[in-house]
Amino acid sequence: MRWNTGALCVVALAVGVSVASFVPGLSQSLRSVVGLAPSPGAVQPRETAASDPETRSPRAKPADDEPGILRLTQEQLTAAGVELTTVRGGTLARHITVPGTVVPHADRIARVSVRLSATVAELRKRIGDPVAKDEILAILESREVADAKSEYLAARLTDELQQDLFVRDRMLWDKRVSNEQQFLRSRNAAAQTRMKLDIARQKLLALGIAQQEIAALPEEPEGSLRRQAIRSPIAGRVVERKVDLGTAVGRDSLETELFVIVDLDRVWVELAISPADLPAIKEGQPVSISARAVTDKVDGKIVFISPLLDKETRSARVVAEIANGDGVWRPGSFVTAAIAVEEQAVPLVIPASAVQTIDNEKVVFVRTPEGFEKRQVGLGRNDDRFVEVVTGLRSGEVIAGSNTFPLKAQLMKALAED
């Protein structure tokens, strides 16, 4: 069968269209010929986001996802333990770091002792109990105390009677009713009874009986004359109790220690300073005390430098005094002391704990009305507590000064989610 020329052209055109549709490598000119390529100026249909991920429009970030911004409420700040500090000028210091030991303050230790022969009748305080000044620690029963109190009461009664007689004889002498010899004898007797009363009072004071107790003796019942209250000379805590109920004390006129009271509101830290560092140490210098078991540091000052060196360690004993109102620094604890020996003023300083490292950059978190803003800073000199800020902050700005790692962790989490 013979094919005419028109039929052959139609068949060729159909084959070309099919090949061009399944072979994307064909030239654009061939596609134009077969009508698959768009003509210049023709509007192409827009592909869906699902068919072309690269042309998908980016999702709009909410305001809270703005990079470098952390939005935290006051409740969240409190829960994280973030403490704020103000950027301002300060002082950097070079420190000598030495080990030390916490010991009781030598002027705040009281050893309660007695020398009279007695028996412990009551114990009102135990080890660890707090005591106030002049609070009763124990009650003793003593024949010696009973004799001294009886002697005082007798001397007091005799003195009162003799003073009344002396007043009467002086009135008679003034009126020239009695003679001068009677007046002089009465005056002499009154002076002697007064002297005996004073001696009896001094005995009671030497036995440890307080002045107010002596004044109240005439009103006390007879059965309490043998009892003596042992009182604390200072306020503090009972750290030692060396007697039990019924213990005999003061045998053979020897002193017996009953209690040891220590006031730990202020304590000492004994330091060992090498001879090479000793010339830089002066009394009154500030010192910072820290320990592994204690999160906070405490500042104190040097109060004593021994003029002698230890024979074994060849170091000098240096004593620093620190406050211990909360009882954190227990005697016997090992601590580390940083003594400031050279100070230098700088325009801007911040706590070293405020600085974090993100992407090899030093940053701090600046307080804003919305929360915190991450800000890169340039740092200069530093010591063990503070660091100088060269760029990135202004005086008066408020930053997160401590416990800043939770802020860094939250920021890194937000950046990872983005």
Protein backbone atom coordinates (compact mmCIF):
# COMPACT_ATOMS: atom_id res chain seq x y z
CA MET A 1 0.00 0.00 0.00
CA ARG A 2 1.35 3.40 -0.88
CA TRP A 3 1.55 6.22 1.77
CA ASN A 4 0.98 9.71 0.53
CA THR A 5 3.14 12.59 1.59
CA GLY A 6 0.56 14.19 4.00
CA ALA A 7 0.03 10.99 5.94
CA LEU A 8 3.77 10.54 6.46
CA CYS A 9 4.13 14.07 7.88
CA VAL A 10 1.35 13.48 10.39
CA VAL A 11 2.91 10.23 11.61
CA ALA A 12 6.37 11.85 12.01
CA LEU A 13 4.97 14.73 14.00
CA ALA A 14 3.14 12.36 16.41
CA VAL A 15 6.29 10.30 17.00
CA GLY A 16 8.32 13.47 17.72
CA VAL A 17 5.82 14.68 20.30
CA SER A 18 5.93 11.35 22.14
CA VAL A 19 9.73 11.22 22.22
CA ALA A 20 10.06 14.81 23.42
CA SER A 21 7.61 14.16 26.26
CA PHE A 22 9.59 11.21 27.69
CA VAL A 23 13.14 12.38 26.96
CA PRO A 24 13.87 15.57 28.99
CA GLY A 25 17.37 15.84 27.50
CA LEU A 26 16.16 17.04 24.12
CA SER A 27 17.10 20.52 23.09
CA GLN A 28 14.83 23.42 23.71
CA SER A 29 14.67 24.08 19.98
CA LEU A 30 13.22 20.62 19.39
CA ARG A 31 10.77 21.13 22.23
CA SER A 32 9.79 24.41 20.63
CA VAL A 33 9.24 22.65 17.36
CA VAL A 34 6.98 20.04 18.94
CA GLY A 35 5.24 22.68 21.04
CA LEU A 36 6.44 21.50 24.56
CA ALA A 37 8.57 24.50 25.52
CA PRO A 38 6.76 27.71 26.45
CA SER A 39 7.04 30.56 24.14
CA PRO A 40 8.78 33.73 25.26
CA GLY A 41 6.55 35.84 27.51
CA ALA A 42 4.20 32.95 28.29
CA VAL A 43 3.07 32.66 31.94
CA GLN A 44 4.19 29.41 33.58
CA PRO A 45 1.94 27.74 36.16
CA ARG A 46 3.21 28.07 39.78
CA GLU A 47 4.19 24.76 41.40
CA THR A 48 2.85 23.82 44.77
CA ALA A 49 4.97 23.95 47.90
CA ALA A 50 4.74 20.21 48.29
CA SER A 51 6.16 19.53 44.80
CA ASP A 52 9.22 21.83 45.21
CA PRO A 53 10.69 22.14 48.70
CA GLU A 54 13.34 24.63 47.61
CA THR A 55 10.77 27.15 46.42
CA ARG A 56 8.59 26.67 49.50
CA SER A 57 8.08 29.99 51.30
CA PRO A 58 9.75 30.05 54.77
CA ARG A 59 7.49 29.86 57.81
CA ALA A 60 7.24 33.19 59.65
CA LYS A 61 8.89 33.10 63.10
CA PRO A 62 6.92 34.35 66.05
CA ALA A 63 8.29 37.22 68.09
CA ASP A 64 9.33 34.83 70.89
CA ASP A 65 11.63 32.96 68.45
CA GLU A 66 13.72 36.02 67.68
CA PRO A 67 17.36 34.87 67.93
CA GLY A 68 19.28 35.99 71.03
CA ILE A 69 16.15 36.93 73.03
CA LEU A 70 14.93 34.96 76.05
CA ARG A 71 11.54 35.86 77.42
CA LEU A 72 11.25 34.82 81.05
CA THR A 73 8.77 35.73 83.74
CA GLN A 74 9.80 36.73 87.24
CA GLU A 75 8.60 33.33 88.50
CA GLN A 76 10.87 31.58 86.02
CA LEU A 77 13.83 33.74 87.09
CA THR A 78 13.22 32.91 90.73
CA ALA A 79 12.90 29.20 90.01
CA ALA A 80 16.17 29.19 88.02
CA GLY A 81 17.98 31.07 90.79
CA VAL A 82 19.21 33.78 88.41
CA GLU A 83 20.68 36.74 90.32
CA LEU A 84 20.90 40.18 88.73
CA THR A 85 23.81 42.60 89.00
CA THR A 86 24.45 46.12 87.75
CA VAL A 87 27.40 46.88 85.50
CA ARG A 88 29.63 49.49 87.17
CA GLY A 89 33.21 50.33 87.93
CA GLY A 90 35.17 48.21 90.34
CA THR A 91 38.51 46.89 91.49
CA LEU A 92 40.54 43.95 90.29
CA ALA A 93 42.96 42.42 92.75
CA ARG A 94 45.87 40.03 92.61
CA HIS A 95 45.45 37.32 95.21
CA ILE A 96 47.63 34.91 97.11
CA THR A 97 45.75 31.64 97.53
CA VAL A 98 46.57 29.52 100.57
CA PRO A 99 44.87 26.71 102.52
CA GLY A 100 43.34 27.34 105.92
CA THR A 101 41.37 25.84 108.79
CA VAL A 102 38.32 27.30 110.53
CA VAL A 103 38.77 27.57 114.31
CA PRO A 104 36.67 29.18 117.07
CA HIS A 105 37.25 32.84 117.83
CA ALA A 106 39.62 32.89 120.80
CA ASP A 107 37.73 35.78 122.41
CA ARG A 108 34.38 33.97 122.09
CA ILE A 109 35.12 30.80 124.07
CA ALA A 110 33.99 30.37 127.69
CA ARG A 111 34.94 27.47 129.97
CA VAL A 112 32.50 27.25 132.87
CA SER A 113 34.32 25.88 135.94
CA VAL A 114 33.84 25.69 139.71
CA ARG A 115 36.25 25.19 142.60
CA LEU A 116 33.81 24.60 145.44
CA SER A 117 32.89 21.14 146.69
CA ALA A 118 29.43 20.31 145.38
CA THR A 119 27.22 17.77 143.63
CA VAL A 120 25.46 18.29 140.31
CA ALA A 121 21.73 18.39 141.17
CA GLU A 122 20.31 19.55 137.81
CA LEU A 123 21.55 19.77 134.22
CA ARG A 124 19.48 22.19 132.17
CA LYS A 125 21.55 22.27 128.96
CA ARG A 126 22.79 19.56 126.66
CA ILE A 127 25.48 19.52 123.98
CA GLY A 128 24.47 21.69 121.04
CA ASP A 129 21.87 23.72 122.92
CA PRO A 130 21.94 27.49 122.38
CA VAL A 131 22.33 29.59 125.49
CA ALA A 132 21.94 33.26 126.30
CA LYS A 133 24.24 35.25 128.51
CA ASP A 134 23.56 34.60 132.23
CA GLU A 135 21.22 31.69 131.40
CA ILE A 136 21.30 28.85 133.95
CA LEU A 137 23.26 25.80 132.77
CA ALA A 138 23.13 23.62 135.89
CA ILE A 139 22.25 23.60 139.59
CA LEU A 140 24.75 22.48 142.22
CA GLU A 141 24.15 21.53 145.84
CA SER A 142 26.99 22.43 148.21
CA ARG A 143 27.54 22.64 151.96
CA GLU A 144 30.15 25.30 151.27
CA VAL A 145 27.57 27.44 149.52
CA ALA A 146 25.08 26.94 152.33
CA ASP A 147 27.67 28.03 154.93
CA ALA A 148 28.62 31.11 152.90
CA LYS A 149 25.00 32.15 152.44
CA SER A 150 24.24 31.62 156.12
CA GLU A 151 27.27 33.68 157.10
CA TYR A 152 26.14 36.47 154.81
CA LEU A 153 22.59 36.48 156.17
CA ALA A 154 23.88 36.58 159.75
CA ALA A 155 26.29 39.40 158.92
CA ARG A 156 23.52 41.29 157.18
CA LEU A 157 21.20 41.01 160.16
CA THR A 158 23.92 42.05 162.61
CA ASP A 159 24.85 45.00 160.44
CA GLU A 160 21.27 46.23 160.18
CA LEU A 161 20.90 46.10 163.97
CA GLN A 162 24.20 47.83 164.62
CA GLN A 163 23.44 50.56 162.09
CA ASP A 164 20.17 51.28 163.86
CA LEU A 165 22.01 51.51 167.20
CA PHE A 166 24.58 53.83 165.71
CA VAL A 167 21.87 56.14 164.34
CA ARG A 168 20.23 56.27 167.80
CA ASP A 169 23.51 56.96 169.62
CA ARG A 170 24.39 59.72 167.15
CA MET A 171 21.05 61.42 167.78
CA LEU A 172 21.62 61.24 171.55
CA TRP A 173 25.12 62.61 171.19
CA ASP A 174 23.86 65.45 169.04
CA LYS A 175 21.37 66.35 171.78
CA ARG A 176 24.09 65.93 174.43
CA VAL A 177 22.04 63.27 176.17
CA SER A 178 24.74 60.55 176.04
CA ASN A 179 28.45 60.86 176.44
CA GLU A 180 31.04 60.85 173.67
CA GLN A 181 32.48 57.45 174.55
CA GLN A 182 29.15 55.74 173.90
CA PHE A 183 28.89 57.45 170.52
CA LEU A 184 32.42 56.41 169.53
CA ARG A 185 31.88 52.79 170.61
CA SER A 186 28.65 52.64 168.58
CA ARG A 187 30.32 54.12 165.51
CA ASN A 188 33.19 51.64 165.74
CA ALA A 189 30.82 48.66 166.07
CA ALA A 190 28.80 49.83 163.05
CA ALA A 191 31.95 50.05 160.94
CA GLN A 192 33.02 46.53 161.96
CA THR A 193 29.66 44.95 161.17
CA ARG A 194 29.60 46.70 157.81
CA MET A 195 33.08 45.36 157.03
CA LYS A 196 32.03 41.80 158.00
CA LEU A 197 28.98 42.11 155.73
CA ASP A 198 31.16 43.18 152.82
CA ILE A 199 33.52 40.25 153.39
CA ALA A 200 30.59 37.81 153.45
CA ARG A 201 29.29 39.29 150.19
CA GLN A 202 32.69 38.95 148.54
CA LYS A 203 32.80 35.25 149.50
CA LEU A 204 29.51 34.69 147.72
CA LEU A 205 30.73 36.53 144.65
CA ALA A 206 33.91 34.42 144.65
CA LEU A 207 31.76 31.28 144.68
CA GLY A 208 30.05 32.45 141.50
CA ILE A 209 26.81 33.76 142.98
CA ALA A 210 25.55 36.78 141.09
CA GLN A 211 24.84 40.12 142.73
CA GLN A 212 21.09 39.88 142.04
CA GLU A 213 21.00 36.44 143.69
CA ILE A 214 22.77 37.82 146.75
CA ALA A 215 20.23 40.62 147.04
CA ALA A 216 17.37 38.09 146.89
CA LEU A 217 18.78 35.80 149.59
CA PRO A 218 16.69 37.21 152.49
CA GLU A 219 13.48 36.22 150.65
CA GLU A 220 14.63 32.73 149.62
CA PRO A 221 13.33 29.66 151.45
CA GLU A 222 15.73 27.96 153.83
CA GLY A 223 15.94 24.80 151.69
CA SER A 224 17.43 26.65 148.74
CA LEU A 225 20.45 27.95 150.62
CA ARG A 226 22.55 24.94 149.61
CA ARG A 227 21.72 25.33 145.90
CA GLN A 228 23.82 27.35 143.46
CA ALA A 229 22.92 28.19 139.85
CA ILE A 230 25.73 27.90 137.29
CA ARG A 231 25.22 30.51 134.57
CA SER A 232 26.71 31.03 131.12
CA PRO A 233 29.09 34.00 130.93
CA ILE A 234 28.46 34.51 127.18
CA ALA A 235 25.83 33.78 124.56
CA GLY A 236 26.60 30.87 122.25
CA ARG A 237 26.20 27.10 122.05
CA VAL A 238 27.20 24.28 124.37
CA VAL A 239 29.97 22.38 122.58
CA GLU A 240 31.13 20.30 125.56
CA ARG A 241 29.45 19.04 128.74
CA LYS A 242 31.94 17.35 131.05
CA VAL A 243 29.75 16.32 133.99
CA ASP A 244 26.72 14.12 134.52
CA LEU A 245 23.86 14.25 136.99
CA GLY A 246 25.16 13.51 140.50
CA THR A 247 28.82 14.16 139.66
CA ALA A 248 30.92 15.40 142.59
CA VAL A 249 32.90 18.48 141.59
CA GLY A 250 35.64 20.54 143.21
CA ARG A 251 37.26 17.70 145.15
CA ASP A 252 40.45 18.55 147.00
CA SER A 253 39.89 22.21 146.09
CA LEU A 254 40.67 21.43 142.43
CA GLU A 255 38.87 23.30 139.70
CA THR A 256 36.33 21.26 137.74
CA GLU A 257 35.31 22.26 134.23
CA LEU A 258 31.58 21.78 133.65
CA PHE A 259 30.78 23.23 130.23
CA VAL A 260 32.45 24.80 127.20
CA ILE A 261 30.43 27.54 125.52
CA VAL A 262 31.43 28.87 122.08
CA ASP A 263 29.98 31.85 120.22
CA LEU A 264 30.24 30.99 116.51
CA ASP A 265 28.74 34.21 115.14
CA ARG A 266 32.30 35.13 114.23
CA VAL A 267 35.12 32.62 113.69
CA TRP A 268 38.80 32.65 112.84
CA VAL A 269 40.56 31.08 109.87
CA GLU A 270 44.15 30.03 110.51
CA LEU A 271 46.36 30.30 107.42
CA ALA A 272 49.88 29.09 106.72
CA ILE A 273 51.84 31.72 104.74
CA SER A 274 55.22 30.95 103.20
CA PRO A 275 58.15 33.29 103.91
CA ALA A 276 58.22 34.34 100.23
CA ASP A 277 54.61 35.66 100.41
CA LEU A 278 54.83 37.03 103.94
CA PRO A 279 56.13 40.52 102.99
CA ALA A 280 52.95 41.13 100.96
CA ILE A 281 50.65 40.26 103.87
CA LYS A 282 49.50 43.06 106.19
CA GLU A 283 46.99 43.22 109.02
CA GLY A 284 43.66 44.56 107.82
CA GLN A 285 44.00 43.17 104.29
CA PRO A 286 40.78 41.74 102.81
CA VAL A 287 40.53 37.99 102.37
CA SER A 288 37.94 35.81 100.62
CA ILE A 289 37.17 32.40 102.12
CA SER A 290 35.70 29.53 100.09
CA ALA A 291 35.21 25.78 100.45
CA ARG A 292 34.07 22.91 98.26
CA ALA A 293 31.11 22.08 100.46
CA VAL A 294 29.90 25.70 100.61
CA THR A 295 28.47 27.41 97.53
CA ASP A 296 28.92 30.97 98.76
CA LYS A 297 32.09 32.82 99.64
CA VAL A 298 32.61 35.05 102.66
CA ASP A 299 34.84 38.10 102.98
CA GLY A 300 36.94 38.85 106.03
CA LYS A 301 40.18 40.53 107.00
CA ILE A 302 43.58 39.67 108.42
CA VAL A 303 43.66 40.31 112.19
CA PHE A 304 46.96 38.71 113.25
CA ILE A 305 50.32 37.82 111.71
CA SER A 306 52.64 35.75 113.86
CA PRO A 307 56.19 37.13 114.17
CA LEU A 308 57.50 33.54 114.44
CA LEU A 309 57.80 30.79 111.84
CA ASP A 310 56.73 27.23 112.48
CA LYS A 311 59.75 24.99 113.10
CA GLU A 312 58.43 22.14 110.96
CA THR A 313 56.60 23.84 108.08
CA ARG A 314 58.72 27.02 108.00
CA SER A 315 55.55 29.04 107.49
CA ALA A 316 53.95 31.86 109.47
CA ARG A 317 50.61 31.60 111.24
CA VAL A 318 48.19 34.21 109.95
CA VAL A 319 44.67 34.61 111.34
CA ALA A 320 41.69 36.00 109.43
CA GLU A 321 38.32 36.84 110.99
CA ILE A 322 35.03 36.18 109.18
CA ALA A 323 31.34 36.49 109.98
CA ASN A 324 29.42 33.27 110.57
CA GLY A 325 25.91 34.33 111.49
CA ASP A 326 24.28 31.43 109.63
CA GLY A 327 26.68 28.84 111.08
CA VAL A 328 27.96 27.62 107.70
CA TRP A 329 31.66 27.82 108.60
CA ARG A 330 32.19 25.07 111.15
CA PRO A 331 35.41 24.91 113.18
CA GLY A 332 37.67 22.19 111.88
CA SER A 333 36.67 22.68 108.23
CA PHE A 334 39.37 23.02 105.58
CA VAL A 335 38.98 26.12 103.40
CA THR A 336 40.81 28.11 100.75
CA ALA A 337 41.70 31.74 101.36
CA ALA A 338 42.40 34.32 98.67
CA ILE A 339 44.26 37.33 100.09
CA ALA A 340 44.13 40.51 98.03
CA VAL A 341 47.68 41.89 97.82
CA GLU A 342 47.42 44.26 94.84
CA GLU A 343 44.36 46.19 93.68
CA GLN A 344 43.67 48.04 90.43
CA ALA A 345 40.61 50.16 89.58
CA VAL A 346 38.87 49.54 86.22
CA PRO A 347 35.95 51.39 84.55
CA LEU A 348 33.58 48.42 84.17
CA VAL A 349 33.60 45.03 85.86
CA ILE A 350 31.15 42.15 86.01
CA PRO A 351 31.20 38.86 87.93
CA ALA A 352 33.11 36.13 86.14
CA SER A 353 30.06 33.89 86.61
CA ALA A 354 28.06 36.18 84.31
CA VAL A 355 30.12 35.27 81.22
CA GLN A 356 29.21 32.31 78.99
CA THR A 357 30.81 31.02 75.78
CA ILE A 358 28.55 30.48 72.74
CA ASP A 359 30.07 29.71 69.32
CA ASN A 360 33.52 30.70 70.62
CA GLU A 361 32.18 34.12 71.61
CA LYS A 362 32.03 35.58 75.11
CA VAL A 363 28.46 36.68 75.84
CA VAL A 364 26.38 37.95 78.74
CA PHE A 365 22.63 38.14 79.20
CA VAL A 366 21.36 41.71 79.49
CA ARG A 367 18.05 42.32 81.26
CA THR A 368 15.32 43.78 79.05
CA PRO A 369 11.63 44.48 79.69
CA GLU A 370 10.78 41.23 77.90
CA GLY A 371 13.46 39.03 79.45
CA PHE A 372 17.14 38.72 78.53
CA GLU A 373 19.13 39.64 75.46
CA LYS A 374 22.30 37.77 74.50
CA ARG A 375 25.09 40.25 73.90
CA GLN A 376 28.66 39.67 72.83
CA VAL A 377 31.26 41.40 74.99
CA GLY A 378 34.97 42.10 74.83
CA LEU A 379 36.83 41.25 78.03
CA GLY A 380 40.08 42.50 79.50
CA ARG A 381 41.85 41.85 82.78
CA ASN A 382 40.39 39.60 85.46
CA ASP A 383 40.89 38.12 88.87
CA ASP A 384 39.28 35.12 90.54
CA ARG A 385 35.94 36.91 91.00
CA PHE A 386 35.55 39.75 88.48
CA VAL A 387 36.43 40.46 84.86
CA GLU A 388 36.88 43.79 83.08
CA VAL A 389 34.44 44.64 80.27
CA VAL A 390 36.07 46.48 77.35
CA THR A 391 33.21 46.51 74.82
CA GLY A 392 29.58 45.48 74.66
CA LEU A 393 28.17 46.93 77.89
CA ARG A 394 27.48 50.33 79.40
CA SER A 395 27.57 51.42 83.01
CA GLY A 396 24.22 51.00 84.73
CA GLU A 397 22.96 48.11 82.60
CA VAL A 398 21.54 45.14 84.47
CA ILE A 399 22.74 41.65 83.59
CA ALA A 400 22.39 38.11 84.90
CA GLY A 401 25.28 37.87 87.33
CA SER A 402 25.13 34.27 88.50
CA ASN A 403 23.41 30.98 87.67
CA THR A 404 23.54 31.93 84.00
CA PHE A 405 24.01 28.42 82.63
CA PRO A 406 20.21 27.76 82.53
CA LEU A 407 19.88 30.85 80.32
CA LYS A 408 22.57 29.54 77.98
CA ALA A 409 20.93 26.11 77.84
CA GLN A 410 17.54 27.58 77.01
CA LEU A 411 19.02 29.79 74.32
CA MET A 412 20.90 26.90 72.70
CA LYS A 413 17.71 24.82 72.76
CA ALA A 414 15.77 27.59 71.02
CA LEU A 415 18.46 27.99 68.34
CA ALA A 416 18.58 24.23 67.76
CA GLU A 417 14.81 24.11 67.24
CA ASP A 418 15.07 26.91 64.67
